[in-house]
Amino acid sequence: MEYFIWVLVGITVLFFLLLLAKRFSSKIFCVICSAVTLTWLTLLILYWKGIFTDVIIISLLMGETSLAIYYLFDAKAPEEWKFFRLPLLLSLLTIFYFLVTFSNLLQSLFFLIGLWVVFTVIYTLRYRSVAVESFMSSVMECCKRW
């Protein structure tokens, strides 16, 4: 718990520094997302070096970044690509999990490749069958904001 307050302070400082930097930059980026991402990247490097030990904080911050990437995809992707939200989210989860644990990568990769293949086949066949098109529509409707 002793690290947690410093993580909060670090994110806050980075937020205001990045907010200031954004005023002088032509780059478009989310200041909060960048502050959180820079924080967990720093903590992850310190964790790999054995200096920082609280993997829970790192994991929570990685989860925030993973969700931010998901929301960015959801906001920017063409509507029909939103069918791939589940494989994308699980791929992000796998990447971030592997960065912390360095384990289960091979099993997860086989699963993800299979999932991406299944979703790609369904996507390819979407106009050839009413049932496939209906299924794809159901998957895409799962995350509508009600």
N, C-alpha and C. Protein backbone atom coordinates (compact mmCIF):
# COMPACT_ATOMS: atom_id res chain seq x y z
N MET A 1 0.82 -1.20 0.00
CA MET A 1 0.00 0.00 0.00
C MET A 1 0.86 1.27 0.00
N GLU A 2 2.10 1.14 0.47
CA GLU A 2 2.96 2.31 0.53
C GLU A 2 3.26 2.88 -0.85
N TYR A 3 3.29 2.00 -1.85
CA TYR A 3 3.56 2.46 -3.22
C TYR A 3 2.36 3.18 -3.83
N PHE A 4 1.19 2.81 -3.39
CA PHE A 4 -0.02 3.27 -4.07
C PHE A 4 -0.14 4.78 -4.11
N ILE A 5 0.11 5.46 -2.99
CA ILE A 5 0.00 6.92 -2.98
C ILE A 5 1.00 7.54 -3.95
N TRP A 6 2.20 6.93 -4.07
CA TRP A 6 3.20 7.46 -4.99
C TRP A 6 2.79 7.24 -6.44
N VAL A 7 2.08 6.15 -6.69
CA VAL A 7 1.56 5.91 -8.04
C VAL A 7 0.52 6.98 -8.37
N LEU A 8 -0.37 7.27 -7.42
CA LEU A 8 -1.38 8.31 -7.64
C LEU A 8 -0.72 9.66 -7.89
N VAL A 9 0.28 9.98 -7.09
CA VAL A 9 1.00 11.25 -7.26
C VAL A 9 1.71 11.26 -8.62
N GLY A 10 2.35 10.16 -8.97
CA GLY A 10 3.05 10.08 -10.25
C GLY A 10 2.13 10.27 -11.44
N ILE A 11 0.99 9.62 -11.41
CA ILE A 11 0.02 9.78 -12.51
C ILE A 11 -0.45 11.23 -12.58
N THR A 12 -0.70 11.83 -11.43
CA THR A 12 -1.16 13.22 -11.40
C THR A 12 -0.10 14.17 -11.97
N VAL A 13 1.14 14.00 -11.55
CA VAL A 13 2.23 14.84 -12.06
C VAL A 13 2.38 14.65 -13.57
N LEU A 14 2.40 13.39 -14.00
CA LEU A 14 2.49 13.13 -15.45
C LEU A 14 1.32 13.74 -16.20
N PHE A 15 0.14 13.66 -15.64
CA PHE A 15 -1.04 14.23 -16.28
C PHE A 15 -0.83 15.72 -16.57
N PHE A 16 -0.41 16.46 -15.55
CA PHE A 16 -0.23 17.90 -15.75
C PHE A 16 0.96 18.23 -16.64
N LEU A 17 2.02 17.46 -16.55
CA LEU A 17 3.15 17.67 -17.46
C LEU A 17 2.76 17.38 -18.91
N LEU A 18 2.03 16.30 -19.12
CA LEU A 18 1.59 15.96 -20.48
C LEU A 18 0.54 16.96 -21.00
N LEU A 19 -0.29 17.45 -20.10
CA LEU A 19 -1.27 18.47 -20.49
C LEU A 19 -0.55 19.73 -20.97
N LEU A 20 0.50 20.09 -20.27
CA LEU A 20 1.32 21.23 -20.69
C LEU A 20 2.01 20.95 -22.01
N ALA A 21 2.58 19.77 -22.14
CA ALA A 21 3.28 19.39 -23.38
C ALA A 21 2.33 19.36 -24.57
N LYS A 22 1.10 18.96 -24.31
CA LYS A 22 0.11 18.87 -25.39
C LYS A 22 -0.18 20.25 -26.00
N ARG A 23 -0.08 21.29 -25.18
CA ARG A 23 -0.33 22.64 -25.67
C ARG A 23 0.70 23.06 -26.71
N PHE A 24 1.91 22.48 -26.63
CA PHE A 24 2.99 22.85 -27.53
C PHE A 24 3.24 21.80 -28.61
N SER A 25 2.33 20.86 -28.72
CA SER A 25 2.52 19.77 -29.67
C SER A 25 1.36 19.73 -30.66
N SER A 26 1.65 19.28 -31.84
CA SER A 26 0.59 19.10 -32.83
C SER A 26 -0.01 17.70 -32.76
N LYS A 27 0.57 16.86 -31.92
CA LYS A 27 0.10 15.47 -31.77
C LYS A 27 -1.20 15.45 -30.97
N ILE A 28 -2.09 14.58 -31.39
CA ILE A 28 -3.35 14.39 -30.68
C ILE A 28 -3.22 13.12 -29.84
N PHE A 29 -3.37 13.24 -28.54
CA PHE A 29 -3.30 12.08 -27.66
C PHE A 29 -4.11 12.35 -26.41
N CYS A 30 -4.50 11.28 -25.76
CA CYS A 30 -5.26 11.37 -24.52
C CYS A 30 -4.26 11.52 -23.37
N VAL A 31 -4.37 12.59 -22.65
CA VAL A 31 -3.42 12.89 -21.59
C VAL A 31 -3.54 11.88 -20.44
N ILE A 32 -4.75 11.55 -20.06
CA ILE A 32 -4.94 10.59 -18.96
C ILE A 32 -4.39 9.22 -19.37
N CYS A 33 -4.74 8.78 -20.56
CA CYS A 33 -4.26 7.48 -21.04
C CYS A 33 -2.74 7.45 -21.08
N SER A 34 -2.15 8.52 -21.55
CA SER A 34 -0.68 8.59 -21.65
C SER A 34 -0.04 8.58 -20.27
N ALA A 35 -0.61 9.30 -19.32
CA ALA A 35 -0.06 9.33 -17.96
C ALA A 35 -0.13 7.94 -17.32
N VAL A 36 -1.26 7.28 -17.48
CA VAL A 36 -1.42 5.93 -16.92
C VAL A 36 -0.45 4.96 -17.59
N THR A 37 -0.37 5.02 -18.91
CA THR A 37 0.51 4.10 -19.65
C THR A 37 1.97 4.32 -19.30
N LEU A 38 2.41 5.56 -19.25
CA LEU A 38 3.80 5.84 -18.88
C LEU A 38 4.09 5.36 -17.46
N THR A 39 3.11 5.47 -16.59
CA THR A 39 3.30 5.01 -15.20
C THR A 39 3.50 3.51 -15.14
N TRP A 40 2.59 2.76 -15.81
CA TRP A 40 2.76 1.30 -15.70
C TRP A 40 3.98 0.81 -16.47
N LEU A 41 4.33 1.47 -17.56
CA LEU A 41 5.56 1.09 -18.27
C LEU A 41 6.80 1.28 -17.37
N THR A 42 6.83 2.40 -16.68
CA THR A 42 7.94 2.65 -15.75
C THR A 42 7.95 1.61 -14.63
N LEU A 43 6.78 1.36 -14.05
CA LEU A 43 6.70 0.38 -12.96
C LEU A 43 7.03 -1.02 -13.45
N LEU A 44 6.64 -1.35 -14.67
CA LEU A 44 6.93 -2.67 -15.22
C LEU A 44 8.45 -2.87 -15.38
N ILE A 45 9.11 -1.86 -15.89
CA ILE A 45 10.58 -1.95 -16.01
C ILE A 45 11.21 -2.12 -14.63
N LEU A 46 10.72 -1.34 -13.66
CA LEU A 46 11.24 -1.48 -12.29
C LEU A 46 10.92 -2.85 -11.71
N TYR A 47 9.77 -3.40 -12.07
CA TYR A 47 9.40 -4.75 -11.63
C TYR A 47 10.34 -5.79 -12.24
N TRP A 48 10.62 -5.67 -13.52
CA TRP A 48 11.54 -6.60 -14.19
C TRP A 48 12.94 -6.53 -13.57
N LYS A 49 13.32 -5.35 -13.09
CA LYS A 49 14.64 -5.18 -12.48
C LYS A 49 14.63 -5.57 -10.99
N GLY A 50 13.46 -5.94 -10.46
CA GLY A 50 13.36 -6.34 -9.07
C GLY A 50 13.29 -5.18 -8.08
N ILE A 51 13.06 -3.97 -8.58
CA ILE A 51 13.02 -2.78 -7.72
C ILE A 51 11.61 -2.53 -7.20
N PHE A 52 10.62 -2.75 -8.04
CA PHE A 52 9.22 -2.54 -7.68
C PHE A 52 8.54 -3.91 -7.62
N THR A 53 7.75 -4.16 -6.57
CA THR A 53 7.22 -5.51 -6.39
C THR A 53 5.70 -5.61 -6.45
N ASP A 54 5.00 -4.49 -6.50
CA ASP A 54 3.53 -4.55 -6.43
C ASP A 54 2.93 -4.77 -7.83
N VAL A 55 2.81 -6.04 -8.18
CA VAL A 55 2.30 -6.39 -9.51
C VAL A 55 0.80 -6.06 -9.64
N ILE A 56 0.10 -5.92 -8.54
CA ILE A 56 -1.32 -5.60 -8.59
C ILE A 56 -1.53 -4.20 -9.17
N ILE A 57 -0.74 -3.24 -8.72
CA ILE A 57 -0.85 -1.87 -9.25
C ILE A 57 -0.55 -1.86 -10.75
N ILE A 58 0.51 -2.54 -11.12
CA ILE A 58 0.88 -2.60 -12.54
C ILE A 58 -0.27 -3.20 -13.35
N SER A 59 -0.83 -4.29 -12.86
CA SER A 59 -1.91 -4.98 -13.57
C SER A 59 -3.15 -4.10 -13.70
N LEU A 60 -3.50 -3.40 -12.64
CA LEU A 60 -4.66 -2.50 -12.70
C LEU A 60 -4.45 -1.41 -13.74
N LEU A 61 -3.27 -0.83 -13.75
CA LEU A 61 -2.98 0.23 -14.72
C LEU A 61 -2.94 -0.31 -16.15
N MET A 62 -2.40 -1.51 -16.32
CA MET A 62 -2.41 -2.15 -17.64
C MET A 62 -3.85 -2.39 -18.10
N GLY A 63 -4.70 -2.78 -17.17
CA GLY A 63 -6.11 -2.99 -17.50
C GLY A 63 -6.77 -1.71 -17.99
N GLU A 64 -6.40 -0.60 -17.38
CA GLU A 64 -6.94 0.68 -17.83
C GLU A 64 -6.49 0.99 -19.25
N THR A 65 -5.23 0.72 -19.54
CA THR A 65 -4.71 0.96 -20.89
C THR A 65 -5.38 0.03 -21.89
N SER A 66 -5.53 -1.23 -21.50
CA SER A 66 -6.19 -2.20 -22.37
C SER A 66 -7.61 -1.74 -22.72
N LEU A 67 -8.33 -1.29 -21.74
CA LEU A 67 -9.69 -0.81 -21.98
C LEU A 67 -9.70 0.46 -22.82
N ALA A 68 -8.72 1.32 -22.61
CA ALA A 68 -8.62 2.55 -23.41
C ALA A 68 -8.39 2.21 -24.89
N ILE A 69 -7.52 1.23 -25.15
CA ILE A 69 -7.28 0.80 -26.53
C ILE A 69 -8.56 0.22 -27.12
N TYR A 70 -9.26 -0.57 -26.34
CA TYR A 70 -10.53 -1.15 -26.78
C TYR A 70 -11.53 -0.04 -27.13
N TYR A 71 -11.67 0.93 -26.25
CA TYR A 71 -12.61 2.04 -26.50
C TYR A 71 -12.18 2.87 -27.71
N LEU A 72 -10.88 3.04 -27.91
CA LEU A 72 -10.40 3.76 -29.08
C LEU A 72 -10.79 3.01 -30.35
N PHE A 73 -10.57 1.69 -30.34
CA PHE A 73 -10.97 0.86 -31.47
C PHE A 73 -12.47 0.98 -31.70
N ASP A 74 -13.24 0.91 -30.63
CA ASP A 74 -14.69 0.98 -30.74
C ASP A 74 -15.15 2.31 -31.32
N ALA A 75 -14.46 3.38 -30.99
CA ALA A 75 -14.83 4.71 -31.48
C ALA A 75 -14.38 4.97 -32.91
N LYS A 76 -13.25 4.41 -33.31
CA LYS A 76 -12.66 4.75 -34.60
C LYS A 76 -12.86 3.72 -35.71
N ALA A 77 -13.11 2.47 -35.34
CA ALA A 77 -13.20 1.41 -36.34
C ALA A 77 -14.50 1.50 -37.13
N PRO A 78 -14.47 1.09 -38.39
CA PRO A 78 -15.73 0.99 -39.13
C PRO A 78 -16.68 0.03 -38.40
N GLU A 79 -17.94 0.29 -38.53
CA GLU A 79 -18.96 -0.47 -37.77
C GLU A 79 -18.80 -1.98 -37.92
N GLU A 80 -18.55 -2.47 -39.12
CA GLU A 80 -18.49 -3.92 -39.31
C GLU A 80 -17.25 -4.54 -38.67
N TRP A 81 -16.20 -3.76 -38.44
CA TRP A 81 -15.01 -4.29 -37.78
C TRP A 81 -15.25 -4.50 -36.29
N LYS A 82 -16.28 -3.89 -35.76
CA LYS A 82 -16.58 -4.03 -34.33
C LYS A 82 -16.96 -5.46 -33.98
N PHE A 83 -17.18 -6.27 -34.99
CA PHE A 83 -17.40 -7.70 -34.79
C PHE A 83 -16.19 -8.33 -34.11
N PHE A 84 -15.01 -7.75 -34.29
CA PHE A 84 -13.76 -8.31 -33.77
C PHE A 84 -13.40 -7.80 -32.37
N ARG A 85 -14.36 -7.22 -31.67
CA ARG A 85 -14.06 -6.67 -30.34
C ARG A 85 -13.59 -7.73 -29.36
N LEU A 86 -14.23 -8.89 -29.34
CA LEU A 86 -13.82 -9.94 -28.41
C LEU A 86 -12.39 -10.43 -28.67
N PRO A 87 -12.06 -10.81 -29.92
CA PRO A 87 -10.67 -11.22 -30.14
C PRO A 87 -9.65 -10.11 -29.82
N LEU A 88 -10.01 -8.87 -30.11
CA LEU A 88 -9.12 -7.76 -29.80
C LEU A 88 -8.91 -7.64 -28.29
N LEU A 89 -9.98 -7.64 -27.53
CA LEU A 89 -9.88 -7.50 -26.08
C LEU A 89 -9.08 -8.65 -25.47
N LEU A 90 -9.33 -9.87 -25.92
CA LEU A 90 -8.59 -11.01 -25.39
C LEU A 90 -7.12 -10.99 -25.82
N SER A 91 -6.84 -10.48 -27.00
CA SER A 91 -5.45 -10.33 -27.44
C SER A 91 -4.72 -9.32 -26.57
N LEU A 92 -5.37 -8.21 -26.28
CA LEU A 92 -4.77 -7.20 -25.40
C LEU A 92 -4.53 -7.78 -24.01
N LEU A 93 -5.50 -8.49 -23.50
CA LEU A 93 -5.36 -9.12 -22.18
C LEU A 93 -4.16 -10.06 -22.17
N THR A 94 -4.02 -10.85 -23.22
CA THR A 94 -2.91 -11.80 -23.32
C THR A 94 -1.56 -11.08 -23.37
N ILE A 95 -1.48 -10.03 -24.14
CA ILE A 95 -0.24 -9.27 -24.23
C ILE A 95 0.16 -8.72 -22.87
N PHE A 96 -0.79 -8.07 -22.19
CA PHE A 96 -0.48 -7.47 -20.89
C PHE A 96 -0.20 -8.54 -19.83
N TYR A 97 -0.93 -9.64 -19.87
CA TYR A 97 -0.68 -10.74 -18.93
C TYR A 97 0.73 -11.29 -19.12
N PHE A 98 1.12 -11.48 -20.36
CA PHE A 98 2.44 -12.01 -20.65
C PHE A 98 3.54 -11.05 -20.18
N LEU A 99 3.34 -9.76 -20.32
CA LEU A 99 4.34 -8.79 -19.87
C LEU A 99 4.62 -8.89 -18.38
N VAL A 100 3.61 -9.31 -17.62
CA VAL A 100 3.77 -9.41 -16.17
C VAL A 100 4.26 -10.80 -15.76
N THR A 101 3.77 -11.84 -16.42
CA THR A 101 4.04 -13.20 -15.95
C THR A 101 5.06 -13.97 -16.77
N PHE A 102 5.19 -13.65 -18.05
CA PHE A 102 6.02 -14.42 -18.99
C PHE A 102 5.61 -15.89 -19.03
N SER A 103 4.33 -16.17 -18.82
CA SER A 103 3.90 -17.57 -18.84
C SER A 103 2.62 -17.74 -19.66
N ASN A 104 2.36 -18.98 -20.03
CA ASN A 104 1.16 -19.39 -20.76
C ASN A 104 1.03 -18.76 -22.13
N LEU A 105 2.10 -18.27 -22.69
CA LEU A 105 2.00 -17.57 -23.97
C LEU A 105 1.62 -18.52 -25.10
N LEU A 106 2.24 -19.67 -25.17
CA LEU A 106 2.00 -20.59 -26.28
C LEU A 106 0.55 -21.06 -26.31
N GLN A 107 0.02 -21.48 -25.17
CA GLN A 107 -1.38 -21.92 -25.11
C GLN A 107 -2.31 -20.78 -25.51
N SER A 108 -2.04 -19.61 -24.97
CA SER A 108 -2.89 -18.46 -25.27
C SER A 108 -2.81 -18.07 -26.74
N LEU A 109 -1.62 -18.14 -27.31
CA LEU A 109 -1.47 -17.81 -28.73
C LEU A 109 -2.27 -18.76 -29.61
N PHE A 110 -2.19 -20.06 -29.32
CA PHE A 110 -2.97 -21.03 -30.10
C PHE A 110 -4.47 -20.74 -29.99
N PHE A 111 -4.92 -20.46 -28.78
CA PHE A 111 -6.33 -20.12 -28.60
C PHE A 111 -6.71 -18.87 -29.39
N LEU A 112 -5.90 -17.83 -29.25
CA LEU A 112 -6.20 -16.56 -29.94
C LEU A 112 -6.17 -16.70 -31.45
N ILE A 113 -5.20 -17.44 -31.96
CA ILE A 113 -5.15 -17.66 -33.41
C ILE A 113 -6.43 -18.35 -33.88
N GLY A 114 -6.84 -19.36 -33.13
CA GLY A 114 -8.09 -20.05 -33.46
C GLY A 114 -9.29 -19.12 -33.40
N LEU A 115 -9.34 -18.29 -32.38
CA LEU A 115 -10.45 -17.35 -32.23
C LEU A 115 -10.47 -16.35 -33.37
N TRP A 116 -9.31 -15.79 -33.71
CA TRP A 116 -9.23 -14.84 -34.83
C TRP A 116 -9.63 -15.52 -36.15
N VAL A 117 -9.22 -16.76 -36.34
CA VAL A 117 -9.59 -17.50 -37.56
C VAL A 117 -11.11 -17.69 -37.62
N VAL A 118 -11.70 -18.13 -36.52
CA VAL A 118 -13.16 -18.34 -36.49
C VAL A 118 -13.89 -17.03 -36.78
N PHE A 119 -13.49 -15.95 -36.12
CA PHE A 119 -14.15 -14.67 -36.34
C PHE A 119 -13.94 -14.17 -37.77
N THR A 120 -12.75 -14.41 -38.32
CA THR A 120 -12.48 -13.99 -39.70
C THR A 120 -13.33 -14.79 -40.69
N VAL A 121 -13.48 -16.09 -40.47
CA VAL A 121 -14.32 -16.92 -41.34
C VAL A 121 -15.76 -16.44 -41.26
N ILE A 122 -16.26 -16.20 -40.07
CA ILE A 122 -17.63 -15.72 -39.91
C ILE A 122 -17.79 -14.37 -40.62
N TYR A 123 -16.83 -13.49 -40.42
CA TYR A 123 -16.86 -12.17 -41.06
C TYR A 123 -16.88 -12.31 -42.58
N THR A 124 -16.08 -13.22 -43.11
CA THR A 124 -16.00 -13.44 -44.55
C THR A 124 -17.32 -13.98 -45.11
N LEU A 125 -18.00 -14.79 -44.33
CA LEU A 125 -19.24 -15.42 -44.78
C LEU A 125 -20.50 -14.62 -44.42
N ARG A 126 -20.34 -13.43 -43.91
CA ARG A 126 -21.46 -12.68 -43.36
C ARG A 126 -22.61 -12.44 -44.34
N TYR A 127 -22.34 -12.30 -45.62
CA TYR A 127 -23.42 -12.02 -46.58
C TYR A 127 -23.91 -13.26 -47.30
N ARG A 128 -23.34 -14.40 -46.98
CA ARG A 128 -23.72 -15.64 -47.67
C ARG A 128 -24.80 -16.42 -46.94
N SER A 129 -25.06 -16.05 -45.70
CA SER A 129 -26.04 -16.77 -44.92
C SER A 129 -26.75 -15.82 -43.97
N VAL A 130 -28.05 -15.94 -43.92
CA VAL A 130 -28.85 -15.11 -43.01
C VAL A 130 -28.49 -15.44 -41.57
N ALA A 131 -28.26 -16.71 -41.28
CA ALA A 131 -27.91 -17.13 -39.92
C ALA A 131 -26.57 -16.53 -39.49
N VAL A 132 -25.59 -16.53 -40.39
CA VAL A 132 -24.28 -15.97 -40.07
C VAL A 132 -24.39 -14.46 -39.88
N GLU A 133 -25.14 -13.83 -40.76
CA GLU A 133 -25.33 -12.38 -40.64
C GLU A 133 -26.05 -12.03 -39.34
N SER A 134 -27.03 -12.84 -38.97
CA SER A 134 -27.76 -12.62 -37.72
C SER A 134 -26.85 -12.81 -36.51
N PHE A 135 -26.02 -13.87 -36.55
CA PHE A 135 -25.07 -14.11 -35.46
C PHE A 135 -24.10 -12.94 -35.32
N MET A 136 -23.57 -12.52 -36.46
CA MET A 136 -22.61 -11.41 -36.46
C MET A 136 -23.26 -10.15 -35.90
N SER A 137 -24.48 -9.91 -36.27
CA SER A 137 -25.22 -8.76 -35.75
C SER A 137 -25.40 -8.86 -34.24
N SER A 138 -25.70 -10.06 -33.74
CA SER A 138 -25.87 -10.26 -32.30
C SER A 138 -24.57 -9.97 -31.55
N VAL A 139 -23.46 -10.43 -32.11
CA VAL A 139 -22.16 -10.18 -31.49
C VAL A 139 -21.87 -8.68 -31.46
N MET A 140 -22.17 -8.01 -32.54
CA MET A 140 -21.89 -6.57 -32.62
C MET A 140 -22.81 -5.75 -31.72
N GLU A 141 -24.01 -6.26 -31.46
CA GLU A 141 -24.98 -5.55 -30.63
C GLU A 141 -24.72 -5.74 -29.13
N CYS A 142 -23.80 -6.65 -28.78
CA CYS A 142 -23.61 -7.00 -27.37
C CYS A 142 -23.19 -5.80 -26.52
N CYS A 143 -22.53 -4.87 -27.12
CA CYS A 143 -21.93 -3.77 -26.34
C CYS A 143 -22.58 -2.41 -26.62
N LYS A 144 -23.77 -2.42 -27.13
CA LYS A 144 -24.44 -1.14 -27.37
C LYS A 144 -24.74 -0.48 -26.04
N ARG A 145 -24.62 0.81 -26.02
CA ARG A 145 -24.95 1.58 -24.80
C ARG A 145 -26.46 1.74 -24.73
N TRP A 146 -27.04 1.14 -23.76
CA TRP A 146 -28.50 1.19 -23.63
C TRP A 146 -28.85 2.37 -22.83
